[in-house]
Amino acid sequence: MSTRGQAVTEAGTAQVERGPGPVRVRLSINGAEHTLDIEPRVSLLDALRERLDLTGAKKGCDQGTCGACTVWVDGRRVLACLTLAMTCEGHEVTTVEGLAAHGEPHPMQQAFIEQDAFQCGYCTPGQIMSAVALIAEGHARNDAEIKEWMSGNICRCAAYPHIRAAIRSVRDQT
């Protein structure tokens, strides 16, 4: 029998239910290797934020609907809140912190500043990660296509016209 986090044995004593024990996971993040001892059910987002102090990816909805936690795994967009950290072993994870090169912002980061493509900034890291991938995927031919392929990233401040302008700006530079 089980009640709210406790298992009751046949003798009637309560035991606290515990999850699986930690496992050792080696993650390559932004070109650096990290070894973590984490429970198998730890999300990539929680590993990044709570264990590695990489707080660029945000915890918005924790359900995969807002896109604030968007990172890349092997160059493909993923929602870090829905991805188990241990499944990323042997893959390259890139976060918004990994975009800048030699202290210079990535062109998309610079375009977001120039185009005022953020208001509160909470969704900005996920928006930027999706925007860079969007261009690499070839889905930035026009505003309708940009809007469709960025639809998984929600901006509650409604900076969408500015976000699209930033994407167009970088698209036109390449």
N, C-alpha and C. Protein backbone atom coordinates (compact mmCIF):
# COMPACT_ATOMS: atom_id res chain seq x y z
N MET A 1 0.85 -1.17 0.00
CA MET A 1 0.00 0.00 0.00
C MET A 1 0.90 1.24 0.00
N SER A 2 0.44 2.31 -0.63
CA SER A 2 1.25 3.52 -0.73
C SER A 2 0.38 4.74 -0.46
N THR A 3 0.93 5.68 0.30
CA THR A 3 0.25 6.94 0.54
C THR A 3 1.23 8.08 0.42
N ARG A 4 0.95 9.04 -0.40
CA ARG A 4 1.71 10.28 -0.55
C ARG A 4 3.18 10.19 -0.20
N GLY A 5 3.96 9.50 -1.02
CA GLY A 5 5.40 9.46 -0.83
C GLY A 5 5.87 8.46 0.21
N GLN A 6 4.95 7.68 0.78
CA GLN A 6 5.35 6.68 1.76
C GLN A 6 4.79 5.33 1.36
N ALA A 7 5.58 4.30 1.58
CA ALA A 7 5.11 2.93 1.37
C ALA A 7 4.88 2.32 2.74
N VAL A 8 3.78 1.60 2.89
CA VAL A 8 3.48 0.96 4.16
C VAL A 8 3.77 -0.52 4.02
N THR A 9 4.64 -1.03 4.87
CA THR A 9 5.01 -2.44 4.81
C THR A 9 3.89 -3.28 5.43
N GLU A 10 4.03 -4.62 5.29
CA GLU A 10 3.03 -5.52 5.87
C GLU A 10 2.94 -5.37 7.38
N ALA A 11 4.06 -4.97 7.99
CA ALA A 11 4.06 -4.78 9.44
C ALA A 11 3.40 -3.47 9.84
N GLY A 12 3.02 -2.67 8.85
CA GLY A 12 2.32 -1.43 9.14
C GLY A 12 3.25 -0.24 9.37
N THR A 13 4.54 -0.42 9.16
CA THR A 13 5.46 0.72 9.34
C THR A 13 5.62 1.47 8.03
N ALA A 14 5.77 2.75 8.15
CA ALA A 14 5.91 3.59 6.95
C ALA A 14 7.37 3.72 6.56
N GLN A 15 7.63 3.60 5.26
CA GLN A 15 8.96 3.82 4.72
C GLN A 15 8.84 4.89 3.65
N VAL A 16 9.80 5.80 3.64
CA VAL A 16 9.78 6.85 2.62
C VAL A 16 10.25 6.23 1.31
N GLU A 17 9.45 6.46 0.25
CA GLU A 17 9.84 5.97 -1.07
C GLU A 17 10.97 6.83 -1.60
N ARG A 18 11.94 6.21 -2.19
CA ARG A 18 13.07 6.93 -2.75
C ARG A 18 13.19 6.57 -4.22
N GLY A 19 13.68 7.54 -4.99
CA GLY A 19 13.89 7.31 -6.41
C GLY A 19 15.14 6.49 -6.64
N PRO A 20 15.47 6.28 -7.90
CA PRO A 20 16.68 5.53 -8.22
C PRO A 20 17.91 6.29 -7.75
N GLY A 21 18.97 5.56 -7.55
CA GLY A 21 20.21 6.18 -7.12
C GLY A 21 20.89 6.93 -8.25
N PRO A 22 21.88 7.74 -7.90
CA PRO A 22 22.58 8.51 -8.92
C PRO A 22 23.40 7.62 -9.87
N VAL A 23 23.55 8.11 -11.08
CA VAL A 23 24.39 7.47 -12.08
C VAL A 23 25.41 8.49 -12.56
N ARG A 24 26.55 8.03 -12.97
CA ARG A 24 27.58 8.92 -13.49
C ARG A 24 27.31 9.18 -14.97
N VAL A 25 27.26 10.45 -15.34
CA VAL A 25 26.98 10.86 -16.70
C VAL A 25 28.07 11.83 -17.14
N ARG A 26 28.58 11.61 -18.35
CA ARG A 26 29.57 12.53 -18.92
C ARG A 26 28.88 13.33 -20.03
N LEU A 27 28.88 14.63 -19.87
CA LEU A 27 28.22 15.51 -20.83
C LEU A 27 29.23 16.47 -21.44
N SER A 28 29.11 16.66 -22.74
CA SER A 28 29.90 17.67 -23.44
C SER A 28 29.00 18.86 -23.67
N ILE A 29 29.32 19.97 -22.99
CA ILE A 29 28.47 21.15 -23.07
C ILE A 29 29.33 22.35 -23.46
N ASN A 30 28.96 22.96 -24.55
CA ASN A 30 29.69 24.12 -25.07
C ASN A 30 31.17 23.81 -25.24
N GLY A 31 31.47 22.59 -25.65
CA GLY A 31 32.85 22.18 -25.91
C GLY A 31 33.64 21.74 -24.70
N ALA A 32 33.05 21.78 -23.52
CA ALA A 32 33.74 21.34 -22.29
C ALA A 32 33.10 20.06 -21.77
N GLU A 33 33.93 19.18 -21.26
CA GLU A 33 33.44 17.91 -20.71
C GLU A 33 33.10 18.08 -19.23
N HIS A 34 31.97 17.51 -18.83
CA HIS A 34 31.52 17.56 -17.44
C HIS A 34 31.09 16.16 -17.02
N THR A 35 31.48 15.76 -15.83
CA THR A 35 31.05 14.49 -15.27
C THR A 35 30.17 14.79 -14.07
N LEU A 36 28.96 14.26 -14.10
CA LEU A 36 27.98 14.50 -13.05
C LEU A 36 27.47 13.18 -12.50
N ASP A 37 27.17 13.16 -11.21
CA ASP A 37 26.45 12.05 -10.61
C ASP A 37 25.03 12.54 -10.37
N ILE A 38 24.09 12.05 -11.19
CA ILE A 38 22.71 12.53 -11.14
C ILE A 38 21.76 11.34 -11.18
N GLU A 39 20.55 11.56 -10.70
CA GLU A 39 19.52 10.54 -10.83
C GLU A 39 19.11 10.45 -12.30
N PRO A 40 18.75 9.27 -12.78
CA PRO A 40 18.39 9.11 -14.19
C PRO A 40 17.24 9.98 -14.66
N ARG A 41 16.40 10.43 -13.76
CA ARG A 41 15.23 11.22 -14.15
C ARG A 41 15.49 12.73 -14.17
N VAL A 42 16.73 13.16 -13.97
CA VAL A 42 17.06 14.59 -13.98
C VAL A 42 17.01 15.11 -15.41
N SER A 43 16.30 16.20 -15.60
CA SER A 43 16.20 16.80 -16.94
C SER A 43 17.51 17.50 -17.29
N LEU A 44 17.73 17.65 -18.58
CA LEU A 44 18.89 18.39 -19.04
C LEU A 44 18.84 19.81 -18.49
N LEU A 45 17.67 20.41 -18.46
CA LEU A 45 17.52 21.77 -17.94
C LEU A 45 17.98 21.86 -16.49
N ASP A 46 17.54 20.93 -15.66
CA ASP A 46 17.95 20.96 -14.25
C ASP A 46 19.44 20.69 -14.10
N ALA A 47 20.00 19.80 -14.91
CA ALA A 47 21.44 19.54 -14.84
C ALA A 47 22.21 20.80 -15.21
N LEU A 48 21.78 21.48 -16.27
CA LEU A 48 22.46 22.70 -16.70
C LEU A 48 22.37 23.79 -15.63
N ARG A 49 21.18 24.05 -15.15
CA ARG A 49 20.96 25.17 -14.23
C ARG A 49 21.44 24.88 -12.81
N GLU A 50 21.11 23.71 -12.29
CA GLU A 50 21.34 23.43 -10.88
C GLU A 50 22.69 22.79 -10.59
N ARG A 51 23.23 22.08 -11.55
CA ARG A 51 24.50 21.39 -11.31
C ARG A 51 25.69 22.08 -11.97
N LEU A 52 25.46 22.76 -13.10
CA LEU A 52 26.57 23.34 -13.84
C LEU A 52 26.54 24.87 -13.87
N ASP A 53 25.56 25.48 -13.21
CA ASP A 53 25.41 26.93 -13.16
C ASP A 53 25.37 27.58 -14.53
N LEU A 54 24.83 26.88 -15.51
CA LEU A 54 24.56 27.44 -16.83
C LEU A 54 23.09 27.83 -16.84
N THR A 55 22.81 29.07 -16.53
CA THR A 55 21.43 29.50 -16.28
C THR A 55 20.80 30.23 -17.46
N GLY A 56 21.43 30.20 -18.63
CA GLY A 56 20.86 30.85 -19.80
C GLY A 56 19.53 30.24 -20.20
N ALA A 57 19.47 28.93 -20.29
CA ALA A 57 18.20 28.25 -20.60
C ALA A 57 17.28 28.43 -19.40
N LYS A 58 16.09 28.92 -19.65
CA LYS A 58 15.17 29.26 -18.57
C LYS A 58 14.14 28.17 -18.33
N LYS A 59 13.70 28.10 -17.09
CA LYS A 59 12.60 27.21 -16.74
C LYS A 59 11.33 28.03 -16.79
N GLY A 60 10.60 27.87 -17.89
CA GLY A 60 9.38 28.64 -18.07
C GLY A 60 8.17 27.84 -17.63
N CYS A 61 7.79 26.88 -18.45
CA CYS A 61 6.57 26.11 -18.17
C CYS A 61 6.89 24.73 -17.59
N ASP A 62 8.09 24.22 -17.84
CA ASP A 62 8.51 22.87 -17.42
C ASP A 62 7.61 21.80 -18.04
N GLN A 63 6.97 22.13 -19.17
CA GLN A 63 6.08 21.19 -19.85
C GLN A 63 6.34 21.14 -21.35
N GLY A 64 7.35 21.87 -21.82
CA GLY A 64 7.68 21.85 -23.24
C GLY A 64 6.80 22.70 -24.13
N THR A 65 6.10 23.66 -23.56
CA THR A 65 5.19 24.47 -24.39
C THR A 65 5.67 25.89 -24.64
N CYS A 66 6.68 26.37 -23.90
CA CYS A 66 7.05 27.78 -24.06
C CYS A 66 8.35 28.01 -24.82
N GLY A 67 9.25 27.04 -24.84
CA GLY A 67 10.51 27.19 -25.58
C GLY A 67 11.60 27.95 -24.86
N ALA A 68 11.37 28.41 -23.64
CA ALA A 68 12.38 29.18 -22.91
C ALA A 68 13.63 28.36 -22.62
N CYS A 69 13.51 27.05 -22.63
CA CYS A 69 14.63 26.16 -22.30
C CYS A 69 15.33 25.60 -23.54
N THR A 70 15.09 26.17 -24.71
CA THR A 70 15.64 25.62 -25.95
C THR A 70 17.17 25.65 -25.94
N VAL A 71 17.77 24.49 -26.20
CA VAL A 71 19.21 24.33 -26.40
C VAL A 71 19.39 23.46 -27.63
N TRP A 72 20.61 23.20 -28.01
CA TRP A 72 20.87 22.29 -29.12
C TRP A 72 21.54 21.03 -28.61
N VAL A 73 21.16 19.92 -29.16
CA VAL A 73 21.88 18.65 -28.97
C VAL A 73 22.30 18.21 -30.36
N ASP A 74 23.60 18.14 -30.56
CA ASP A 74 24.17 17.84 -31.88
C ASP A 74 23.62 18.78 -32.95
N GLY A 75 23.46 20.04 -32.59
CA GLY A 75 23.02 21.05 -33.54
C GLY A 75 21.53 21.11 -33.79
N ARG A 76 20.76 20.25 -33.15
CA ARG A 76 19.30 20.25 -33.33
C ARG A 76 18.64 20.84 -32.09
N ARG A 77 17.57 21.61 -32.34
CA ARG A 77 16.84 22.22 -31.23
C ARG A 77 16.16 21.15 -30.39
N VAL A 78 16.30 21.28 -29.07
CA VAL A 78 15.56 20.42 -28.14
C VAL A 78 15.07 21.29 -26.98
N LEU A 79 14.03 20.81 -26.36
CA LEU A 79 13.52 21.45 -25.15
C LEU A 79 14.18 20.76 -23.97
N ALA A 80 15.04 21.48 -23.28
CA ALA A 80 15.83 20.90 -22.20
C ALA A 80 14.98 20.42 -21.04
N CYS A 81 13.79 20.99 -20.86
CA CYS A 81 12.93 20.55 -19.75
C CYS A 81 12.34 19.17 -20.01
N LEU A 82 12.27 18.76 -21.28
CA LEU A 82 11.69 17.45 -21.63
C LEU A 82 12.75 16.41 -21.98
N THR A 83 14.01 16.79 -21.91
CA THR A 83 15.11 15.91 -22.30
C THR A 83 15.83 15.43 -21.06
N LEU A 84 15.96 14.12 -20.91
CA LEU A 84 16.72 13.60 -19.78
C LEU A 84 18.20 13.85 -20.01
N ALA A 85 18.88 14.34 -18.98
CA ALA A 85 20.30 14.65 -19.11
C ALA A 85 21.10 13.44 -19.54
N MET A 86 20.78 12.29 -19.00
CA MET A 86 21.57 11.10 -19.31
C MET A 86 21.46 10.68 -20.78
N THR A 87 20.42 11.10 -21.48
CA THR A 87 20.30 10.75 -22.89
C THR A 87 21.23 11.59 -23.76
N CYS A 88 21.83 12.61 -23.18
CA CYS A 88 22.73 13.50 -23.92
C CYS A 88 24.18 13.04 -23.85
N GLU A 89 24.43 11.98 -23.10
CA GLU A 89 25.79 11.45 -23.02
C GLU A 89 26.23 11.01 -24.42
N GLY A 90 27.43 11.43 -24.81
CA GLY A 90 27.93 11.10 -26.14
C GLY A 90 27.48 12.07 -27.22
N HIS A 91 26.78 13.12 -26.83
CA HIS A 91 26.29 14.14 -27.76
C HIS A 91 26.81 15.50 -27.33
N GLU A 92 26.87 16.43 -28.26
CA GLU A 92 27.31 17.79 -27.94
C GLU A 92 26.10 18.66 -27.64
N VAL A 93 26.09 19.25 -26.45
CA VAL A 93 25.03 20.15 -26.03
C VAL A 93 25.56 21.58 -26.15
N THR A 94 24.77 22.43 -26.77
CA THR A 94 25.13 23.85 -26.88
C THR A 94 24.03 24.68 -26.24
N THR A 95 24.45 25.57 -25.35
CA THR A 95 23.52 26.49 -24.70
C THR A 95 23.81 27.90 -25.21
N VAL A 96 22.98 28.84 -24.84
CA VAL A 96 23.18 30.23 -25.27
C VAL A 96 24.54 30.75 -24.81
N GLU A 97 25.05 30.23 -23.69
CA GLU A 97 26.36 30.65 -23.21
C GLU A 97 27.47 30.23 -24.17
N GLY A 98 27.21 29.21 -24.98
CA GLY A 98 28.20 28.70 -25.91
C GLY A 98 28.19 29.36 -27.27
N LEU A 99 27.32 30.33 -27.50
CA LEU A 99 27.23 30.98 -28.81
C LEU A 99 28.32 32.03 -29.02
N ALA A 100 28.65 32.79 -28.01
CA ALA A 100 29.64 33.85 -28.15
C ALA A 100 31.01 33.25 -28.45
N ALA A 101 31.76 33.92 -29.29
CA ALA A 101 33.10 33.45 -29.64
C ALA A 101 34.12 34.53 -29.28
N HIS A 102 35.11 34.15 -28.50
CA HIS A 102 36.20 35.05 -28.13
C HIS A 102 35.68 36.35 -27.50
N GLY A 103 34.65 36.23 -26.68
CA GLY A 103 34.10 37.38 -25.99
C GLY A 103 33.18 38.26 -26.83
N GLU A 104 33.02 37.90 -28.09
CA GLU A 104 32.14 38.67 -28.98
C GLU A 104 30.79 37.97 -29.08
N PRO A 105 29.70 38.71 -29.00
CA PRO A 105 28.39 38.05 -29.12
C PRO A 105 28.19 37.44 -30.50
N HIS A 106 27.41 36.40 -30.54
CA HIS A 106 27.01 35.78 -31.80
C HIS A 106 26.23 36.84 -32.59
N PRO A 107 26.29 36.81 -33.92
CA PRO A 107 25.52 37.79 -34.70
C PRO A 107 24.04 37.85 -34.33
N MET A 108 23.44 36.71 -33.96
CA MET A 108 22.03 36.74 -33.57
C MET A 108 21.85 37.46 -32.23
N GLN A 109 22.78 37.25 -31.31
CA GLN A 109 22.70 37.97 -30.04
C GLN A 109 22.79 39.48 -30.29
N GLN A 110 23.71 39.87 -31.16
CA GLN A 110 23.87 41.28 -31.49
C GLN A 110 22.63 41.83 -32.19
N ALA A 111 22.05 41.05 -33.10
CA ALA A 111 20.84 41.48 -33.80
C ALA A 111 19.67 41.65 -32.84
N PHE A 112 19.56 40.80 -31.83
CA PHE A 112 18.49 40.94 -30.85
C PHE A 112 18.63 42.27 -30.11
N ILE A 113 19.87 42.66 -29.82
CA ILE A 113 20.10 43.94 -29.16
C ILE A 113 19.75 45.09 -30.11
N GLU A 114 20.26 45.03 -31.32
CA GLU A 114 20.05 46.11 -32.28
C GLU A 114 18.59 46.28 -32.67
N GLN A 115 17.86 45.18 -32.75
CA GLN A 115 16.46 45.24 -33.18
C GLN A 115 15.48 45.34 -32.00
N ASP A 116 16.01 45.47 -30.78
CA ASP A 116 15.17 45.54 -29.58
C ASP A 116 14.21 44.35 -29.55
N ALA A 117 14.77 43.16 -29.75
CA ALA A 117 13.96 41.95 -29.90
C ALA A 117 13.65 41.26 -28.57
N PHE A 118 13.73 42.00 -27.51
CA PHE A 118 13.36 41.44 -26.22
C PHE A 118 12.79 42.55 -25.35
N GLN A 119 11.93 42.18 -24.45
CA GLN A 119 11.40 43.14 -23.50
C GLN A 119 11.92 42.76 -22.12
N CYS A 120 11.30 41.78 -21.50
CA CYS A 120 11.77 41.37 -20.17
C CYS A 120 13.04 40.52 -20.29
N GLY A 121 13.23 39.86 -21.42
CA GLY A 121 14.43 39.06 -21.65
C GLY A 121 14.35 37.62 -21.22
N TYR A 122 13.27 37.23 -20.57
CA TYR A 122 13.19 35.87 -20.03
C TYR A 122 13.23 34.83 -21.15
N CYS A 123 12.52 35.05 -22.22
CA CYS A 123 12.47 34.07 -23.30
C CYS A 123 13.63 34.20 -24.27
N THR A 124 14.41 35.28 -24.15
CA THR A 124 15.43 35.61 -25.14
C THR A 124 16.43 34.50 -25.41
N PRO A 125 17.01 33.83 -24.40
CA PRO A 125 17.97 32.76 -24.73
C PRO A 125 17.36 31.66 -25.60
N GLY A 126 16.16 31.22 -25.28
CA GLY A 126 15.50 30.19 -26.09
C GLY A 126 15.16 30.70 -27.48
N GLN A 127 14.73 31.97 -27.56
CA GLN A 127 14.43 32.57 -28.86
C GLN A 127 15.69 32.60 -29.72
N ILE A 128 16.81 33.02 -29.13
CA ILE A 128 18.07 33.12 -29.88
C ILE A 128 18.52 31.75 -30.35
N MET A 129 18.45 30.76 -29.49
CA MET A 129 18.87 29.40 -29.89
C MET A 129 18.01 28.89 -31.04
N SER A 130 16.71 29.13 -30.96
CA SER A 130 15.82 28.71 -32.05
C SER A 130 16.07 29.51 -33.32
N ALA A 131 16.33 30.80 -33.17
CA ALA A 131 16.54 31.66 -34.33
C ALA A 131 17.79 31.26 -35.11
N VAL A 132 18.87 30.98 -34.41
CA VAL A 132 20.11 30.56 -35.08
C VAL A 132 19.87 29.23 -35.81
N ALA A 133 19.20 28.30 -35.13
CA ALA A 133 18.91 27.00 -35.75
C ALA A 133 17.97 27.16 -36.94
N LEU A 134 17.01 28.03 -36.82
CA LEU A 134 16.04 28.28 -37.88
C LEU A 134 16.74 28.65 -39.19
N ILE A 135 17.70 29.53 -39.11
CA ILE A 135 18.45 29.93 -40.31
C ILE A 135 19.26 28.75 -40.84
N ALA A 136 19.92 28.03 -39.95
CA ALA A 136 20.73 26.86 -40.37
C ALA A 136 19.86 25.80 -41.03
N GLU A 137 18.62 25.67 -40.58
CA GLU A 137 17.69 24.68 -41.13
C GLU A 137 17.09 25.13 -42.47
N GLY A 138 17.28 26.39 -42.82
CA GLY A 138 16.73 26.92 -44.07
C GLY A 138 15.27 27.30 -43.99
N HIS A 139 14.80 27.67 -42.80
CA HIS A 139 13.39 28.00 -42.61
C HIS A 139 13.19 29.49 -42.33
N ALA A 140 13.95 30.34 -43.01
CA ALA A 140 13.82 31.78 -42.76
C ALA A 140 13.63 32.55 -44.06
N ARG A 141 12.95 31.94 -45.01
CA ARG A 141 12.80 32.59 -46.33
C ARG A 141 11.90 33.82 -46.29
N ASN A 142 10.88 33.82 -45.43
CA ASN A 142 9.97 34.97 -45.34
C ASN A 142 9.38 35.01 -43.93
N ASP A 143 8.66 36.08 -43.64
CA ASP A 143 8.11 36.25 -42.29
C ASP A 143 7.13 35.14 -41.90
N ALA A 144 6.33 34.69 -42.84
CA ALA A 144 5.37 33.62 -42.53
C ALA A 144 6.11 32.35 -42.11
N GLU A 145 7.17 32.02 -42.84
CA GLU A 145 7.94 30.83 -42.50
C GLU A 145 8.66 31.00 -41.14
N ILE A 146 9.24 32.17 -40.92
CA ILE A 146 9.89 32.44 -39.63
C ILE A 146 8.87 32.30 -38.51
N LYS A 147 7.70 32.89 -38.69
CA LYS A 147 6.65 32.82 -37.67
C LYS A 147 6.28 31.37 -37.37
N GLU A 148 6.10 30.58 -38.41
CA GLU A 148 5.73 29.17 -38.22
C GLU A 148 6.80 28.38 -37.49
N TRP A 149 8.06 28.53 -37.92
CA TRP A 149 9.14 27.72 -37.36
C TRP A 149 9.63 28.23 -36.01
N MET A 150 9.22 29.43 -35.62
CA MET A 150 9.53 29.96 -34.29
C MET A 150 8.33 29.82 -33.35
N SER A 151 7.26 29.19 -33.80
CA SER A 151 6.02 29.15 -33.01
C SER A 151 6.16 28.38 -31.70
N GLY A 152 7.19 27.59 -31.55
CA GLY A 152 7.40 26.88 -30.29
C GLY A 152 8.06 27.73 -29.22
N ASN A 153 8.40 28.95 -29.56
CA ASN A 153 9.02 29.87 -28.60
C ASN A 153 8.07 31.03 -28.35
N ILE A 154 7.56 31.09 -27.14
CA ILE A 154 6.57 32.09 -26.77
C ILE A 154 7.24 33.29 -26.12
N CYS A 155 6.83 34.48 -26.53
CA CYS A 155 7.28 35.73 -25.91
C CYS A 155 6.05 36.38 -25.30
N ARG A 156 6.00 36.40 -24.00
CA ARG A 156 4.81 36.97 -23.35
C ARG A 156 4.75 38.48 -23.47
N CYS A 157 5.88 39.10 -23.82
CA CYS A 157 5.89 40.55 -24.02
C CYS A 157 5.52 40.93 -25.45
N ALA A 158 5.34 39.93 -26.32
CA ALA A 158 4.91 40.13 -27.70
C ALA A 158 5.91 40.93 -28.54
N ALA A 159 7.18 40.60 -28.40
CA ALA A 159 8.23 41.27 -29.20
C ALA A 159 8.42 40.58 -30.55
N TYR A 160 7.44 39.86 -31.01
CA TYR A 160 7.57 39.05 -32.23
C TYR A 160 8.02 39.84 -33.46
N PRO A 161 7.50 41.03 -33.73
CA PRO A 161 7.98 41.76 -34.92
C PRO A 161 9.48 42.06 -34.84
N HIS A 162 9.95 42.37 -33.65
CA HIS A 162 11.37 42.66 -33.47
C HIS A 162 12.22 41.39 -33.57
N ILE A 163 11.69 40.30 -33.07
CA ILE A 163 12.39 39.01 -33.18
C ILE A 163 12.54 38.64 -34.64
N ARG A 164 11.46 38.77 -35.41
CA ARG A 164 11.54 38.47 -36.84
C ARG A 164 12.52 39.41 -37.55
N ALA A 165 12.54 40.67 -37.15
CA ALA A 165 13.49 41.63 -37.74
C ALA A 165 14.93 41.21 -37.45
N ALA A 166 15.20 40.74 -36.25
CA ALA A 166 16.55 40.27 -35.90
C ALA A 166 16.93 39.06 -36.74
N ILE A 167 15.99 38.14 -36.91
CA ILE A 167 16.25 36.94 -37.72
C ILE A 167 16.52 37.33 -39.17
N ARG A 168 15.71 38.22 -39.71
CA ARG A 168 15.93 38.68 -41.09
C ARG A 168 17.29 39.34 -41.24
N SER A 169 17.66 40.12 -40.26
CA SER A 169 18.94 40.83 -40.29
C SER A 169 20.11 39.85 -40.38
N VAL A 170 20.09 38.82 -39.56
CA VAL A 170 21.17 37.82 -39.59
C VAL A 170 21.08 36.99 -40.87
N ARG A 171 19.87 36.63 -41.25
CA ARG A 171 19.69 35.87 -42.50
C ARG A 171 20.29 36.62 -43.67
N ASP A 172 20.06 37.92 -43.74
CA ASP A 172 20.53 38.72 -44.87
C ASP A 172 22.03 38.96 -44.84
N GLN A 173 22.66 38.76 -43.70
CA GLN A 173 24.12 38.91 -43.59
C GLN A 173 24.85 37.67 -44.06
N THR A 174 24.17 36.54 -44.07
CA THR A 174 24.86 35.28 -44.41
C THR A 174 24.66 34.90 -45.86
